[in-house]
């Protein structure tokens, strides 16, 4: 069974780039979990130009509605990041 804490621990340990959706369908957050707690975590965000942003975003696990992995959008941002930032 995918218990929420175990899922977030797995994502953190494997340094997965994920896409998070909260209550609004028109806003998503993409990045890697940089620090994890029992019921919350920090996300190092990936910007719309494929660059890693200098700040962290804080999320409570209970507010996450959808977690997406390996989407075309994430892949495109990562490819663009490698081409632009080496």
N, C-alpha and C. Protein backbone atom coordinates (compact mmCIF):
# COMPACT_ATOMS: atom_id res chain seq x y z
N UNK A 1 0.83 -1.21 0.00
CA UNK A 1 0.00 0.00 0.00
C UNK A 1 0.87 1.26 0.00
N UNK A 2 0.42 2.26 -0.71
CA UNK A 2 1.15 3.52 -0.76
C UNK A 2 0.66 4.45 0.33
N UNK A 3 1.29 4.36 1.47
CA UNK A 3 0.99 5.27 2.56
C UNK A 3 1.67 6.59 2.24
N UNK A 4 1.00 7.70 2.47
CA UNK A 4 1.48 9.00 2.05
C UNK A 4 2.92 9.27 2.48
N UNK A 5 3.24 9.05 3.74
CA UNK A 5 4.60 9.33 4.22
C UNK A 5 5.62 8.48 3.49
N UNK A 6 5.31 7.22 3.25
CA UNK A 6 6.25 6.35 2.54
C UNK A 6 6.43 6.80 1.10
N UNK A 7 5.37 7.25 0.48
CA UNK A 7 5.46 7.75 -0.89
C UNK A 7 6.37 8.97 -0.96
N UNK A 8 6.18 9.93 -0.06
CA UNK A 8 7.02 11.12 -0.06
C UNK A 8 8.47 10.78 0.30
N UNK A 9 8.69 9.84 1.18
CA UNK A 9 10.05 9.39 1.51
C UNK A 9 10.71 8.77 0.28
N UNK A 10 9.97 7.97 -0.47
CA UNK A 10 10.49 7.35 -1.69
C UNK A 10 10.89 8.44 -2.70
N UNK A 11 10.02 9.41 -2.90
CA UNK A 11 10.30 10.51 -3.84
C UNK A 11 11.55 11.26 -3.42
N UNK A 12 11.66 11.54 -2.13
CA UNK A 12 12.80 12.27 -1.59
C UNK A 12 14.10 11.49 -1.77
N UNK A 13 14.11 10.24 -1.37
CA UNK A 13 15.32 9.42 -1.45
C UNK A 13 15.79 9.19 -2.88
N UNK A 14 14.86 9.10 -3.81
CA UNK A 14 15.21 8.86 -5.21
C UNK A 14 15.38 10.14 -6.03
N UNK A 15 15.28 11.27 -5.36
CA UNK A 15 15.45 12.57 -5.99
C UNK A 15 14.62 12.72 -7.26
N UNK A 16 13.38 12.27 -7.17
CA UNK A 16 12.45 12.36 -8.29
C UNK A 16 11.99 13.79 -8.50
N UNK A 17 11.92 14.21 -9.74
CA UNK A 17 11.30 15.48 -10.06
C UNK A 17 9.81 15.19 -10.22
N UNK A 18 9.00 15.93 -9.48
CA UNK A 18 7.56 15.67 -9.46
C UNK A 18 6.78 16.93 -9.80
N UNK A 19 5.55 16.73 -10.17
CA UNK A 19 4.60 17.82 -10.41
C UNK A 19 3.49 17.69 -9.39
N UNK A 20 3.24 18.76 -8.66
CA UNK A 20 2.22 18.76 -7.62
C UNK A 20 1.06 19.65 -8.02
N UNK A 21 -0.14 19.18 -7.74
CA UNK A 21 -1.35 19.98 -7.92
C UNK A 21 -2.05 20.08 -6.57
N UNK A 22 -2.50 21.27 -6.27
CA UNK A 22 -3.25 21.48 -5.03
C UNK A 22 -4.72 21.57 -5.38
N UNK A 23 -5.43 22.53 -4.84
CA UNK A 23 -6.86 22.67 -5.09
C UNK A 23 -7.17 23.31 -6.44
N UNK A 24 -6.31 24.19 -6.92
CA UNK A 24 -6.54 24.85 -8.20
C UNK A 24 -5.98 24.00 -9.34
N UNK A 25 -6.77 23.79 -10.37
CA UNK A 25 -6.35 22.98 -11.49
C UNK A 25 -5.43 23.73 -12.45
N UNK A 26 -5.41 25.06 -12.37
CA UNK A 26 -4.61 25.84 -13.32
C UNK A 26 -3.21 26.16 -12.80
N UNK A 27 -2.84 25.67 -11.62
CA UNK A 27 -1.53 25.92 -11.05
C UNK A 27 -0.89 24.59 -10.66
N UNK A 28 0.35 24.38 -11.12
CA UNK A 28 1.12 23.21 -10.72
C UNK A 28 2.50 23.67 -10.24
N UNK A 29 3.12 22.86 -9.43
CA UNK A 29 4.46 23.12 -8.92
C UNK A 29 5.33 21.94 -9.32
N UNK A 30 6.51 22.22 -9.84
CA UNK A 30 7.42 21.18 -10.28
C UNK A 30 8.73 21.35 -9.54
N UNK A 31 9.29 20.25 -9.06
CA UNK A 31 10.58 20.32 -8.39
C UNK A 31 10.93 19.02 -7.70
N UNK A 32 11.98 19.12 -6.84
CA UNK A 32 12.45 17.99 -6.04
C UNK A 32 12.24 18.32 -4.57
N UNK A 33 11.92 17.31 -3.80
CA UNK A 33 11.78 17.50 -2.36
C UNK A 33 13.18 17.67 -1.77
N UNK A 34 13.39 18.79 -1.07
CA UNK A 34 14.71 19.06 -0.50
C UNK A 34 14.80 18.73 0.98
N UNK A 35 13.67 18.77 1.66
CA UNK A 35 13.64 18.44 3.09
C UNK A 35 12.26 17.92 3.41
N UNK A 36 12.21 16.87 4.21
CA UNK A 36 10.92 16.24 4.49
C UNK A 36 10.72 16.11 5.99
N UNK A 37 9.50 16.33 6.41
CA UNK A 37 9.11 16.20 7.81
C UNK A 37 7.97 15.19 7.90
N UNK A 38 7.39 15.03 9.06
CA UNK A 38 6.33 14.04 9.24
C UNK A 38 5.08 14.36 8.42
N UNK A 39 4.68 15.62 8.36
CA UNK A 39 3.44 15.98 7.65
C UNK A 39 3.63 17.11 6.63
N UNK A 40 4.88 17.44 6.32
CA UNK A 40 5.14 18.53 5.40
C UNK A 40 6.51 18.34 4.74
N UNK A 41 6.81 19.20 3.77
CA UNK A 41 8.10 19.11 3.09
C UNK A 41 8.40 20.42 2.37
N UNK A 42 9.68 20.58 2.03
CA UNK A 42 10.12 21.69 1.19
C UNK A 42 10.42 21.16 -0.20
N UNK A 43 10.06 21.96 -1.20
CA UNK A 43 10.28 21.60 -2.59
C UNK A 43 11.22 22.62 -3.22
N UNK A 44 12.30 22.13 -3.86
CA UNK A 44 13.16 22.99 -4.67
C UNK A 44 12.49 23.10 -6.03
N UNK A 45 11.95 24.27 -6.36
CA UNK A 45 11.16 24.38 -7.58
C UNK A 45 12.00 24.52 -8.85
N UNK A 46 11.45 23.99 -9.92
CA UNK A 46 12.01 24.11 -11.25
C UNK A 46 11.17 25.16 -11.98
N UNK A 47 11.83 26.20 -12.50
CA UNK A 47 11.12 27.29 -13.15
C UNK A 47 10.61 26.92 -14.54
N UNK A 48 9.83 27.80 -15.13
CA UNK A 48 9.22 27.54 -16.43
C UNK A 48 10.24 27.53 -17.57
N UNK A 49 11.45 28.01 -17.31
CA UNK A 49 12.51 27.97 -18.32
C UNK A 49 13.50 26.83 -18.05
N UNK A 50 13.13 25.92 -17.16
CA UNK A 50 13.96 24.76 -16.87
C UNK A 50 15.09 25.05 -15.90
N UNK A 51 15.08 26.19 -15.24
CA UNK A 51 16.13 26.53 -14.28
C UNK A 51 15.66 26.26 -12.85
N UNK A 52 16.60 25.85 -12.01
CA UNK A 52 16.28 25.62 -10.60
C UNK A 52 16.23 26.98 -9.92
N UNK A 53 15.16 27.26 -9.22
CA UNK A 53 14.97 28.55 -8.57
C UNK A 53 15.70 28.57 -7.23
N UNK A 54 16.01 29.78 -6.75
CA UNK A 54 16.83 29.96 -5.55
C UNK A 54 16.08 29.79 -4.24
N UNK A 55 14.80 29.65 -4.28
CA UNK A 55 14.02 29.55 -3.04
C UNK A 55 13.33 28.18 -2.95
N UNK A 56 12.86 27.86 -1.77
CA UNK A 56 12.12 26.62 -1.55
C UNK A 56 10.65 26.95 -1.29
N UNK A 57 9.80 26.02 -1.63
CA UNK A 57 8.37 26.16 -1.36
C UNK A 57 7.99 25.16 -0.28
N UNK A 58 7.13 25.56 0.63
CA UNK A 58 6.70 24.71 1.74
C UNK A 58 5.30 24.18 1.46
N UNK A 59 5.12 22.87 1.63
CA UNK A 59 3.81 22.24 1.42
C UNK A 59 3.47 21.33 2.59
N UNK A 60 2.21 21.31 2.96
CA UNK A 60 1.70 20.30 3.88
C UNK A 60 1.20 19.14 3.03
N UNK A 61 1.54 17.93 3.42
CA UNK A 61 1.17 16.75 2.63
C UNK A 61 -0.33 16.65 2.40
N UNK A 62 -1.10 17.08 3.39
CA UNK A 62 -2.56 16.95 3.29
C UNK A 62 -3.17 17.87 2.22
N UNK A 63 -2.41 18.88 1.76
CA UNK A 63 -2.94 19.80 0.75
C UNK A 63 -2.70 19.33 -0.69
N UNK A 64 -1.89 18.30 -0.86
CA UNK A 64 -1.55 17.80 -2.20
C UNK A 64 -2.72 16.99 -2.74
N UNK A 65 -3.17 17.37 -3.91
CA UNK A 65 -4.29 16.67 -4.54
C UNK A 65 -3.81 15.63 -5.55
N UNK A 66 -2.80 16.01 -6.36
CA UNK A 66 -2.28 15.10 -7.38
C UNK A 66 -0.77 15.19 -7.41
N UNK A 67 -0.11 14.04 -7.50
CA UNK A 67 1.34 13.97 -7.71
C UNK A 67 1.56 13.29 -9.05
N UNK A 68 2.31 13.94 -9.93
CA UNK A 68 2.60 13.38 -11.24
C UNK A 68 4.10 13.17 -11.39
N UNK A 69 4.45 12.07 -12.06
CA UNK A 69 5.85 11.73 -12.32
C UNK A 69 6.05 11.61 -13.82
N UNK A 70 7.23 11.93 -14.27
CA UNK A 70 7.65 11.61 -15.63
C UNK A 70 6.64 12.06 -16.70
N UNK A 71 6.12 13.26 -16.56
CA UNK A 71 5.20 13.79 -17.56
C UNK A 71 6.01 14.40 -18.71
N UNK A 72 5.36 14.65 -19.82
CA UNK A 72 6.03 15.28 -20.95
C UNK A 72 6.54 16.67 -20.57
N UNK A 73 5.79 17.38 -19.77
CA UNK A 73 6.19 18.73 -19.35
C UNK A 73 7.45 18.68 -18.48
N UNK A 74 7.49 17.77 -17.52
CA UNK A 74 8.68 17.62 -16.67
C UNK A 74 9.87 17.24 -17.53
N UNK A 75 9.72 16.28 -18.41
CA UNK A 75 10.81 15.84 -19.28
C UNK A 75 11.33 16.98 -20.15
N UNK A 76 10.42 17.77 -20.71
CA UNK A 76 10.82 18.90 -21.56
C UNK A 76 11.61 19.93 -20.75
N UNK A 77 11.17 20.23 -19.54
CA UNK A 77 11.89 21.19 -18.70
C UNK A 77 13.29 20.69 -18.36
N UNK A 78 13.41 19.40 -18.05
CA UNK A 78 14.72 18.84 -17.70
C UNK A 78 15.65 18.82 -18.91
N UNK A 79 15.14 18.51 -20.08
CA UNK A 79 15.96 18.53 -21.30
C UNK A 79 16.41 19.96 -21.58
N UNK A 80 15.48 20.91 -21.48
CA UNK A 80 15.82 22.31 -21.71
C UNK A 80 16.86 22.78 -20.70
N UNK A 81 16.75 22.34 -19.46
CA UNK A 81 17.70 22.69 -18.42
C UNK A 81 19.10 22.21 -18.79
N UNK A 82 19.22 20.97 -19.24
CA UNK A 82 20.53 20.41 -19.61
C UNK A 82 21.13 21.14 -20.81
N UNK A 83 20.30 21.49 -21.77
CA UNK A 83 20.79 22.18 -22.97
C UNK A 83 21.22 23.61 -22.65
N UNK A 84 20.49 24.26 -21.76
CA UNK A 84 20.75 25.66 -21.46
C UNK A 84 21.82 25.85 -20.38
N UNK A 85 21.78 25.03 -19.35
CA UNK A 85 22.65 25.23 -18.20
C UNK A 85 23.76 24.20 -18.09
N UNK A 86 23.87 23.31 -19.06
CA UNK A 86 24.95 22.34 -19.11
C UNK A 86 24.82 21.28 -18.12
